Amino acid sequence: MARPPQLQVRSPCVGICALDDNDICIGCQRSGSEISRWGQMSTEEQMEVLKRSRQRAAEQGLLMSSAPPRIGR
């Protein structure tokens, strides 16, 4: 029996792609490494990255939606 396709977490990229002095994107709050590895990460890894990026944004005083991450095929 074939396994159903795994849902993928959409990239949090907002099109403001510039890394700060700490190697964190000023748009999505992911590290350079997290951005470059995004496509190879499991869904669980991507969800952890989203949690870290939300925490970074909160620490910086940036406003982010409280909506859950978007998931699609």
Foldseek 3Di string as FASTA:
>chain_A
DDDDDDKAFDDQAPPQADADPVQAGPGQRAHPVCVVCVVVDDRVVVQVRNVNSVVSCVVVVHDDDPDDTDIGD
